[in-house]
PDB file of all heavy atoms in Angstrom:
ATOM      1  N   SER A   1     135.446  62.159 130.610  1.00  0.00           N
ATOM      2  CA  SER A   1     135.967  60.780 130.930  1.00  0.00           C
ATOM      3  C   SER A   1     134.953  59.790 131.149  1.00  0.00           C
ATOM      4  O   SER A   1     135.274  58.584 131.059  1.00  0.00           O
ATOM      5  CB  SER A   1     136.884  60.913 131.983  1.00  0.00           C
ATOM      6  OG  SER A   1     136.144  61.264 133.221  1.00  0.00           O
ATOM      7  N   GLY A   2     133.717  60.360 131.546  1.00  0.00           N
ATOM      8  CA  GLY A   2     132.658  59.395 131.844  1.00  0.00           C
ATOM      9  C   GLY A   2     132.821  58.796 133.345  1.00  0.00           C
ATOM     10  O   GLY A   2     132.155  58.020 133.732  1.00  0.00           O
ATOM     11  N   GLN A   3     133.852  59.355 134.059  1.00  0.00           N
ATOM     12  CA  GLN A   3     134.127  58.798 135.354  1.00  0.00           C
ATOM     13  C   GLN A   3     133.942  60.049 136.399  1.00  0.00           C
ATOM     14  O   GLN A   3     134.565  61.124 136.268  1.00  0.00           O
ATOM     15  CB  GLN A   3     135.462  58.364 135.435  1.00  0.00           C
ATOM     16  CG  GLN A   3     135.730  57.207 134.570  1.00  0.00           C
ATOM     17  CD  GLN A   3     137.077  56.583 134.767  1.00  0.00           C
ATOM     18  OE1 GLN A   3     137.813  57.025 135.696  1.00  0.00           O
ATOM     19  NE2 GLN A   3     137.504  55.780 133.768  1.00  0.00           N
ATOM     20  N   GLY A   4     133.215  59.874 137.433  1.00  0.00           N
ATOM     21  CA  GLY A   4     133.161  60.774 138.613  1.00  0.00           C
ATOM     22  C   GLY A   4     134.287  60.643 139.537  1.00  0.00           C
ATOM     23  O   GLY A   4     135.249  59.798 139.430  1.00  0.00           O
ATOM     24  N   GLN A   5     134.182  61.437 140.622  1.00  0.00           N
ATOM     25  CA  GLN A   5     135.263  61.371 141.584  1.00  0.00           C
ATOM     26  C   GLN A   5     134.821  62.079 142.881  1.00  0.00           C
ATOM     27  O   GLN A   5     133.892  62.803 142.854  1.00  0.00           O
ATOM     28  CB  GLN A   5     136.589  61.946 141.066  1.00  0.00           C
ATOM     29  CG  GLN A   5     136.528  63.409 140.536  1.00  0.00           C
ATOM     30  CD  GLN A   5     137.774  63.820 140.011  1.00  0.00           C
ATOM     31  OE1 GLN A   5     138.879  63.729 140.631  1.00  0.00           O
ATOM     32  NE2 GLN A   5     137.757  64.463 138.804  1.00  0.00           N
ATOM     33  N   VAL A   6     135.602  62.065 143.859  1.00  0.00           N
ATOM     34  CA  VAL A   6     135.340  62.720 145.074  1.00  0.00           C
ATOM     35  C   VAL A   6     136.133  64.089 145.231  1.00  0.00           C
ATOM     36  O   VAL A   6     137.362  64.113 144.896  1.00  0.00           O
ATOM     37  CB  VAL A   6     135.736  61.806 146.353  1.00  0.00           C
ATOM     38  CG1 VAL A   6     135.503  62.612 147.634  1.00  0.00           C
ATOM     39  CG2 VAL A   6     134.991  60.695 146.381  1.00  0.00           C
ATOM     40  N   VAL A   7     135.294  65.231 145.470  1.00  0.00           N
ATOM     41  CA  VAL A   7     136.022  66.522 145.712  1.00  0.00           C
ATOM     42  C   VAL A   7     136.068  66.652 147.227  1.00  0.00           C
ATOM     43  O   VAL A   7     135.021  66.873 147.932  1.00  0.00           O
ATOM     44  CB  VAL A   7     135.121  67.496 145.031  1.00  0.00           C
ATOM     45  CG1 VAL A   7     135.767  68.924 145.365  1.00  0.00           C
ATOM     46  CG2 VAL A   7     135.061  67.355 143.614  1.00  0.00           C
ATOM     47  N   ASP A   8     137.315  66.579 147.820  1.00  0.00           N
ATOM     48  CA  ASP A   8     137.485  66.870 149.182  1.00  0.00           C
ATOM     49  C   ASP A   8     137.748  68.301 149.362  1.00  0.00           C
ATOM     50  O   ASP A   8     138.814  68.758 149.283  1.00  0.00           O
ATOM     51  CB  ASP A   8     138.709  65.955 149.609  1.00  0.00           C
ATOM     52  CG  ASP A   8     139.008  66.136 151.167  1.00  0.00           C
ATOM     53  OD1 ASP A   8     138.369  66.786 151.848  1.00  0.00           O
ATOM     54  OD2 ASP A   8     140.051  65.484 151.592  1.00  0.00           O
ATOM     55  N   ALA A   9     136.824  69.092 149.729  1.00  0.00           N
ATOM     56  CA  ALA A   9     136.943  70.490 149.901  1.00  0.00           C
ATOM     57  C   ALA A   9     137.004  70.836 151.452  1.00  0.00           C
ATOM     58  O   ALA A   9     136.111  70.771 152.166  1.00  0.00           O
ATOM     59  CB  ALA A   9     135.762  71.309 149.307  1.00  0.00           C
ATOM     60  N   ALA A  10     138.176  71.024 152.020  1.00  0.00           N
ATOM     61  CA  ALA A  10     138.399  71.403 153.347  1.00  0.00           C
ATOM     62  C   ALA A  10     138.702  72.906 153.522  1.00  0.00           C
ATOM     63  O   ALA A  10     139.486  73.433 152.687  1.00  0.00           O
ATOM     64  CB  ALA A  10     139.583  70.641 153.897  1.00  0.00           C
ATOM     65  N   MET A  11     138.076  73.495 154.478  1.00  0.00           N
ATOM     66  CA  MET A  11     138.248  74.911 154.616  1.00  0.00           C
ATOM     67  C   MET A  11     139.727  75.339 154.891  1.00  0.00           C
ATOM     68  O   MET A  11     140.267  76.378 154.546  1.00  0.00           O
ATOM     69  CB  MET A  11     137.335  75.507 155.735  1.00  0.00           C
ATOM     70  CG  MET A  11     135.822  75.661 155.229  1.00  0.00           C
ATOM     71  SD  MET A  11     134.711  76.131 156.466  1.00  0.00           S
ATOM     72  CE  MET A  11     134.029  74.403 156.912  1.00  0.00           C
ATOM     73  N   VAL A  12     140.393  74.442 155.757  1.00  0.00           N
ATOM     74  CA  VAL A  12     141.765  74.696 155.997  1.00  0.00           C
ATOM     75  C   VAL A  12     142.601  74.779 154.816  1.00  0.00           C
ATOM     76  O   VAL A  12     143.410  75.644 154.534  1.00  0.00           O
ATOM     77  CB  VAL A  12     142.321  73.627 156.989  1.00  0.00           C
ATOM     78  CG1 VAL A  12     143.893  73.735 157.074  1.00  0.00           C
ATOM     79  CG2 VAL A  12     141.771  73.804 158.353  1.00  0.00           C
ATOM     80  N   ASP A  13     142.276  73.877 153.812  1.00  0.00           N
ATOM     81  CA  ASP A  13     142.963  73.805 152.470  1.00  0.00           C
ATOM     82  C   ASP A  13     142.771  75.039 151.722  1.00  0.00           C
ATOM     83  O   ASP A  13     143.625  75.686 151.271  1.00  0.00           O
ATOM     84  CB  ASP A  13     142.523  72.588 151.721  1.00  0.00           C
ATOM     85  CG  ASP A  13     142.850  71.236 152.361  1.00  0.00           C
ATOM     86  OD1 ASP A  13     143.232  71.251 153.504  1.00  0.00           O
ATOM     87  OD2 ASP A  13     142.374  70.252 151.817  1.00  0.00           O
ATOM     88  N   GLY A  14     141.408  75.438 151.598  1.00  0.00           N
ATOM     89  CA  GLY A  14     141.049  76.525 150.882  1.00  0.00           C
ATOM     90  C   GLY A  14     141.580  77.892 151.428  1.00  0.00           C
ATOM     91  O   GLY A  14     142.065  78.699 150.566  1.00  0.00           O
ATOM     92  N   VAL A  15     141.608  78.013 152.676  1.00  0.00           N
ATOM     93  CA  VAL A  15     142.194  79.179 153.216  1.00  0.00           C
ATOM     94  C   VAL A  15     143.666  79.361 152.950  1.00  0.00           C
ATOM     95  O   VAL A  15     144.266  80.428 152.682  1.00  0.00           O
ATOM     96  CB  VAL A  15     142.032  79.384 154.750  1.00  0.00           C
ATOM     97  CG1 VAL A  15     142.631  80.629 155.404  1.00  0.00           C
ATOM     98  CG2 VAL A  15     140.436  79.406 154.969  1.00  0.00           C
ATOM     99  N   ALA A  16     144.416  78.174 152.990  1.00  0.00           N
ATOM    100  CA  ALA A  16     145.848  78.136 152.705  1.00  0.00           C
ATOM    101  C   ALA A  16     146.075  78.502 151.307  1.00  0.00           C
ATOM    102  O   ALA A  16     147.044  79.441 151.080  1.00  0.00           O
ATOM    103  CB  ALA A  16     146.307  76.920 152.927  1.00  0.00           C
ATOM    104  N   VAL A  17     145.216  78.191 150.367  1.00  0.00           N
ATOM    105  CA  VAL A  17     145.288  78.534 148.885  1.00  0.00           C
ATOM    106  C   VAL A  17     145.139  80.100 148.893  1.00  0.00           C
ATOM    107  O   VAL A  17     145.848  80.655 147.978  1.00  0.00           O
ATOM    108  CB  VAL A  17     144.441  77.770 148.061  1.00  0.00           C
ATOM    109  CG1 VAL A  17     144.380  78.371 146.668  1.00  0.00           C
ATOM    110  CG2 VAL A  17     144.741  76.292 147.919  1.00  0.00           C
ATOM    111  N   LEU A  18     144.245  80.536 149.590  1.00  0.00           N
ATOM    112  CA  LEU A  18     143.996  82.075 149.545  1.00  0.00           C
ATOM    113  C   LEU A  18     145.153  82.869 150.067  1.00  0.00           C
ATOM    114  O   LEU A  18     145.400  83.966 149.642  1.00  0.00           O
ATOM    115  CB  LEU A  18     142.734  82.397 150.383  1.00  0.00           C
ATOM    116  CG  LEU A  18     141.273  81.783 149.948  1.00  0.00           C
ATOM    117  CD1 LEU A  18     140.330  82.205 150.990  1.00  0.00           C
ATOM    118  CD2 LEU A  18     140.974  82.332 148.590  1.00  0.00           C
ATOM    119  N   SER A  19     146.064  82.267 150.695  1.00  0.00           N
ATOM    120  CA  SER A  19     147.201  82.886 151.334  1.00  0.00           C
ATOM    121  C   SER A  19     148.466  82.829 150.275  1.00  0.00           C
ATOM    122  O   SER A  19     149.576  83.221 150.712  1.00  0.00           O
ATOM    123  CB  SER A  19     147.589  82.302 152.618  1.00  0.00           C
ATOM    124  OG  SER A  19     146.552  82.287 153.515  1.00  0.00           O
ATOM    125  N   THR A  20     148.194  82.274 149.028  1.00  0.00           N
ATOM    126  CA  THR A  20     149.251  81.955 148.234  1.00  0.00           C
ATOM    127  C   THR A  20     150.173  83.246 147.939  1.00  0.00           C
ATOM    128  O   THR A  20     151.423  83.158 148.024  1.00  0.00           O
ATOM    129  CB  THR A  20     148.794  81.421 146.798  1.00  0.00           C
ATOM    130  OG1 THR A  20     148.124  80.133 147.143  1.00  0.00           O
ATOM    131  CG2 THR A  20     150.027  81.096 145.824  1.00  0.00           C
ATOM    132  N   LEU A  21     149.565  84.298 147.551  1.00  0.00           N
ATOM    133  CA  LEU A  21     150.273  85.460 147.347  1.00  0.00           C
ATOM    134  C   LEU A  21     151.270  85.859 148.510  1.00  0.00           C
ATOM    135  O   LEU A  21     152.485  86.237 148.287  1.00  0.00           O
ATOM    136  CB  LEU A  21     149.501  86.813 147.086  1.00  0.00           C
ATOM    137  CG  LEU A  21     150.075  88.038 146.979  1.00  0.00           C
ATOM    138  CD1 LEU A  21     151.064  88.223 145.756  1.00  0.00           C
ATOM    139  CD2 LEU A  21     149.041  89.135 146.966  1.00  0.00           C
ATOM    140  N   LEU A  22     150.781  85.909 149.704  1.00  0.00           N
ATOM    141  CA  LEU A  22     151.555  86.274 150.921  1.00  0.00           C
ATOM    142  C   LEU A  22     152.736  85.341 151.218  1.00  0.00           C
ATOM    143  O   LEU A  22     153.798  85.884 151.530  1.00  0.00           O
ATOM    144  CB  LEU A  22     150.684  86.356 152.112  1.00  0.00           C
ATOM    145  CG  LEU A  22     149.326  87.249 151.988  1.00  0.00           C
ATOM    146  CD1 LEU A  22     148.598  87.120 153.305  1.00  0.00           C
ATOM    147  CD2 LEU A  22     149.804  88.684 151.531  1.00  0.00           C
ATOM    148  N   TYR A  23     152.517  84.116 150.909  1.00  0.00           N
ATOM    149  CA  TYR A  23     153.728  83.069 151.013  1.00  0.00           C
ATOM    150  C   TYR A  23     154.743  83.509 149.939  1.00  0.00           C
ATOM    151  O   TYR A  23     155.947  83.380 150.303  1.00  0.00           O
ATOM    152  CB  TYR A  23     153.284  81.743 150.857  1.00  0.00           C
ATOM    153  CG  TYR A  23     152.734  81.158 152.148  1.00  0.00           C
ATOM    154  CD1 TYR A  23     151.287  81.315 152.534  1.00  0.00           C
ATOM    155  CD2 TYR A  23     153.574  80.649 153.176  1.00  0.00           C
ATOM    156  CE1 TYR A  23     150.804  80.753 153.759  1.00  0.00           C
ATOM    157  CE2 TYR A  23     153.105  80.189 154.433  1.00  0.00           C
ATOM    158  CZ  TYR A  23     151.685  80.293 154.636  1.00  0.00           C
ATOM    159  OH  TYR A  23     151.333  79.831 155.839  1.00  0.00           O
ATOM    160  N   GLY A  24     154.333  84.008 148.822  1.00  0.00           N
ATOM    161  CA  GLY A  24     155.342  84.336 147.785  1.00  0.00           C
ATOM    162  C   GLY A  24     156.110  85.490 148.249  1.00  0.00           C
ATOM    163  O   GLY A  24     157.289  85.666 148.143  1.00  0.00           O
ATOM    164  N   LEU A  25     155.299  86.649 148.715  1.00  0.00           N
ATOM    165  CA  LEU A  25     155.950  87.750 149.238  1.00  0.00           C
ATOM    166  C   LEU A  25     156.982  87.386 150.316  1.00  0.00           C
ATOM    167  O   LEU A  25     157.960  87.961 150.460  1.00  0.00           O
ATOM    168  CB  LEU A  25     155.004  88.759 149.705  1.00  0.00           C
ATOM    169  CG  LEU A  25     154.103  89.401 148.660  1.00  0.00           C
ATOM    170  CD1 LEU A  25     152.823  90.239 149.267  1.00  0.00           C
ATOM    171  CD2 LEU A  25     154.814  90.061 147.649  1.00  0.00           C
ATOM    172  N   ARG A  26     156.488  86.512 151.278  1.00  0.00           N
ATOM    173  CA  ARG A  26     157.456  86.140 152.290  1.00  0.00           C
ATOM    174  C   ARG A  26     158.761  85.493 151.923  1.00  0.00           C
ATOM    175  O   ARG A  26     159.772  85.837 152.365  1.00  0.00           O
ATOM    176  CB  ARG A  26     156.662  85.121 153.279  1.00  0.00           C
ATOM    177  CG  ARG A  26     157.405  84.726 154.572  1.00  0.00           C
ATOM    178  CD  ARG A  26     156.477  83.931 155.494  1.00  0.00           C
ATOM    179  NE  ARG A  26     157.170  83.545 156.763  1.00  0.00           N
ATOM    180  CZ  ARG A  26     158.049  82.573 156.830  1.00  0.00           C
ATOM    181  NH1 ARG A  26     158.243  81.745 155.818  1.00  0.00           N
ATOM    182  NH2 ARG A  26     158.586  82.384 158.104  1.00  0.00           N
ATOM    183  N   ALA A  27     158.577  84.587 150.836  1.00  0.00           N
ATOM    184  CA  ALA A  27     159.762  84.034 150.283  1.00  0.00           C
ATOM    185  C   ALA A  27     160.747  85.098 149.702  1.00  0.00           C
ATOM    186  O   ALA A  27     161.973  84.835 149.595  1.00  0.00           O
ATOM    187  CB  ALA A  27     159.324  83.042 149.231  1.00  0.00           C
ATOM    188  N   LEU A  28     160.181  86.184 149.148  1.00  0.00           N
ATOM    189  CA  LEU A  28     160.940  87.211 148.610  1.00  0.00           C
ATOM    190  C   LEU A  28     161.577  88.084 149.648  1.00  0.00           C
ATOM    191  O   LEU A  28     162.369  88.984 149.326  1.00  0.00           O
ATOM    192  CB  LEU A  28     160.187  88.053 147.663  1.00  0.00           C
ATOM    193  CG  LEU A  28     159.770  87.273 146.254  1.00  0.00           C
ATOM    194  CD1 LEU A  28     158.790  88.232 145.568  1.00  0.00           C
ATOM    195  CD2 LEU A  28     160.972  86.977 145.442  1.00  0.00           C
ATOM    196  N   GLY A  29     161.209  87.958 150.951  1.00  0.00           N
ATOM    197  CA  GLY A  29     161.615  88.864 151.968  1.00  0.00           C
ATOM    198  C   GLY A  29     160.910  90.075 152.084  1.00  0.00           C
ATOM    199  O   GLY A  29     161.381  91.024 152.855  1.00  0.00           O
ATOM    200  N   ILE A  30     159.769  90.251 151.338  1.00  0.00           N
ATOM    201  CA  ILE A  30     158.936  91.393 151.374  1.00  0.00           C
ATOM    202  C   ILE A  30     158.021  91.442 152.479  1.00  0.00           C
ATOM    203  O   ILE A  30     157.621  92.484 153.039  1.00  0.00           O
ATOM    204  CB  ILE A  30     158.303  91.612 150.025  1.00  0.00           C
ATOM    205  CG1 ILE A  30     159.304  91.708 149.002  1.00  0.00           C
ATOM    206  CG2 ILE A  30     157.375  92.808 149.996  1.00  0.00           C
ATOM    207  CD1 ILE A  30     158.720  91.810 147.440  1.00  0.00           C
ATOM    208  N   TRP A  31     157.631  90.209 152.925  1.00  0.00           N
ATOM    209  CA  TRP A  31     156.570  90.088 153.937  1.00  0.00           C
ATOM    210  C   TRP A  31     157.198  89.686 155.197  1.00  0.00           C
ATOM    211  O   TRP A  31     157.933  88.534 155.325  1.00  0.00           O
ATOM    212  CB  TRP A  31     155.559  89.109 153.609  1.00  0.00           C
ATOM    213  CG  TRP A  31     154.356  89.146 154.595  1.00  0.00           C
ATOM    214  CD1 TRP A  31     154.144  88.545 155.620  1.00  0.00           C
ATOM    215  CD2 TRP A  31     153.125  89.932 154.358  1.00  0.00           C
ATOM    216  NE1 TRP A  31     153.006  88.702 156.274  1.00  0.00           N
ATOM    217  CE2 TRP A  31     152.341  89.683 155.459  1.00  0.00           C
ATOM    218  CE3 TRP A  31     152.742  90.830 153.395  1.00  0.00           C
ATOM    219  CZ2 TRP A  31     151.008  90.233 155.551  1.00  0.00           C
ATOM    220  CZ3 TRP A  31     151.396  91.384 153.525  1.00  0.00           C
ATOM    221  CH2 TRP A  31     150.635  91.165 154.634  1.00  0.00           C
ATOM    222  N   GLU A  32     157.171  90.358 156.412  1.00  0.00           N
ATOM    223  CA  GLU A  32     157.880  89.963 157.677  1.00  0.00           C
ATOM    224  C   GLU A  32     156.805  89.168 158.493  1.00  0.00           C
ATOM    225  O   GLU A  32     155.609  89.393 158.399  1.00  0.00           O
ATOM    226  CB  GLU A  32     158.282  91.264 158.326  1.00  0.00           C
ATOM    227  CG  GLU A  32     159.369  91.951 157.514  1.00  0.00           C
ATOM    228  CD  GLU A  32     159.875  93.275 158.325  1.00  0.00           C
ATOM    229  OE1 GLU A  32     159.330  93.440 159.411  1.00  0.00           O
ATOM    230  OE2 GLU A  32     160.777  93.899 157.763  1.00  0.00           O
ATOM    231  N   ASP A  33     157.350  88.455 159.489  1.00  0.00           N
ATOM    232  CA  ASP A  33     156.423  87.622 160.284  1.00  0.00           C
ATOM    233  C   ASP A  33     155.878  88.316 161.470  1.00  0.00           C
ATOM    234  O   ASP A  33     155.009  87.804 162.199  1.00  0.00           O
ATOM    235  CB  ASP A  33     157.287  86.381 160.799  1.00  0.00           C
ATOM    236  CG  ASP A  33     157.536  85.441 159.830  1.00  0.00           C
ATOM    237  OD1 ASP A  33     156.811  85.289 158.658  1.00  0.00           O
ATOM    238  OD2 ASP A  33     158.585  84.606 159.845  1.00  0.00           O
ATOM    239  N   VAL A  34     156.287  89.642 161.672  1.00  0.00           N
ATOM    240  CA  VAL A  34     155.572  90.400 162.694  1.00  0.00           C
ATOM    241  C   VAL A  34     154.334  90.996 162.136  1.00  0.00           C
ATOM    242  O   VAL A  34     154.347  91.887 161.304  1.00  0.00           O
ATOM    243  CB  VAL A  34     156.705  91.456 163.171  1.00  0.00           C
ATOM    244  CG1 VAL A  34     156.029  92.320 164.252  1.00  0.00           C
ATOM    245  CG2 VAL A  34     157.893  90.915 163.708  1.00  0.00           C
ATOM    246  N   PRO A  35     153.069  90.605 162.645  1.00  0.00           N
ATOM    247  CA  PRO A  35     151.973  91.221 162.210  1.00  0.00           C
ATOM    248  C   PRO A  35     151.742  92.689 162.330  1.00  0.00           C
ATOM    249  O   PRO A  35     152.270  93.337 163.273  1.00  0.00           O
ATOM    250  CB  PRO A  35     150.827  90.454 162.978  1.00  0.00           C
ATOM    251  CG  PRO A  35     151.574  89.236 163.462  1.00  0.00           C
ATOM    252  CD  PRO A  35     152.911  89.594 163.588  1.00  0.00           C
ATOM    253  N   GLY A  36     151.182  93.419 161.504  1.00  0.00           N
ATOM    254  CA  GLY A  36     150.998  94.848 161.569  1.00  0.00           C
ATOM    255  C   GLY A  36     152.229  95.634 161.173  1.00  0.00           C
ATOM    256  O   GLY A  36     152.165  96.762 161.359  1.00  0.00           O
ATOM    257  N   THR A  37     153.154  95.070 160.477  1.00  0.00           N
ATOM    258  CA  THR A  37     154.308  95.771 159.931  1.00  0.00           C
ATOM    259  C   THR A  37     154.407  95.659 158.433  1.00  0.00           C
ATOM    260  O   THR A  37     155.391  96.203 157.855  1.00  0.00           O
ATOM    261  CB  THR A  37     155.593  95.191 160.653  1.00  0.00           C
ATOM    262  OG1 THR A  37     155.786  93.800 160.192  1.00  0.00           O
ATOM    263  CG2 THR A  37     155.512  95.247 162.136  1.00  0.00           C
ATOM    264  N   ASN A  38     153.455  95.064 157.757  1.00  0.00           N
ATOM    265  CA  ASN A  38     153.577  94.866 156.365  1.00  0.00           C
ATOM    266  C   ASN A  38     152.639  95.744 155.487  1.00  0.00           C
ATOM    267  O   ASN A  38     151.793  96.382 156.160  1.00  0.00           O
ATOM    268  CB  ASN A  38     153.410  93.330 156.016  1.00  0.00           C
ATOM    269  CG  ASN A  38     154.354  92.453 156.736  1.00  0.00           C
ATOM    270  OD1 ASN A  38     155.479  92.397 156.333  1.00  0.00           O
ATOM    271  ND2 ASN A  38     153.927  91.692 157.661  1.00  0.00           N
ATOM    272  N   MET A  39     152.870  95.689 154.232  1.00  0.00           N
ATOM    273  CA  MET A  39     152.001  96.643 153.431  1.00  0.00           C
ATOM    274  C   MET A  39     150.559  96.304 153.334  1.00  0.00           C
ATOM    275  O   MET A  39     149.747  97.227 152.917  1.00  0.00           O
ATOM    276  CB  MET A  39     152.512  96.684 152.087  1.00  0.00           C
ATOM    277  CG  MET A  39     152.510  95.360 151.273  1.00  0.00           C
ATOM    278  SD  MET A  39     153.330  95.535 149.644  1.00  0.00           S
ATOM    279  CE  MET A  39     153.227  93.761 149.106  1.00  0.00           C
ATOM    280  N   LEU A  40     150.094  95.104 153.698  1.00  0.00           N
ATOM    281  CA  LEU A  40     148.703  94.861 153.574  1.00  0.00           C
ATOM    282  C   LEU A  40     147.990  94.339 154.913  1.00  0.00           C
ATOM    283  O   LEU A  40     146.947  94.076 154.899  1.00  0.00           O
ATOM    284  CB  LEU A  40     148.527  93.679 152.530  1.00  0.00           C
ATOM    285  CG  LEU A  40     148.976  93.786 151.173  1.00  0.00           C
ATOM    286  CD1 LEU A  40     148.766  92.522 150.280  1.00  0.00           C
ATOM    287  CD2 LEU A  40     148.273  94.890 150.561  1.00  0.00           C
TER     288      LEU A  40
END
């Protein structure tokens, strides 16, 4: 494009993205909110 831009890389944002799979499992009812009771 010939145009630059700002990349706003926040660690909170990035860690949230890393959790994408788990949020999908939670939506399916496979992942429970009680830590230490799930498959991973």
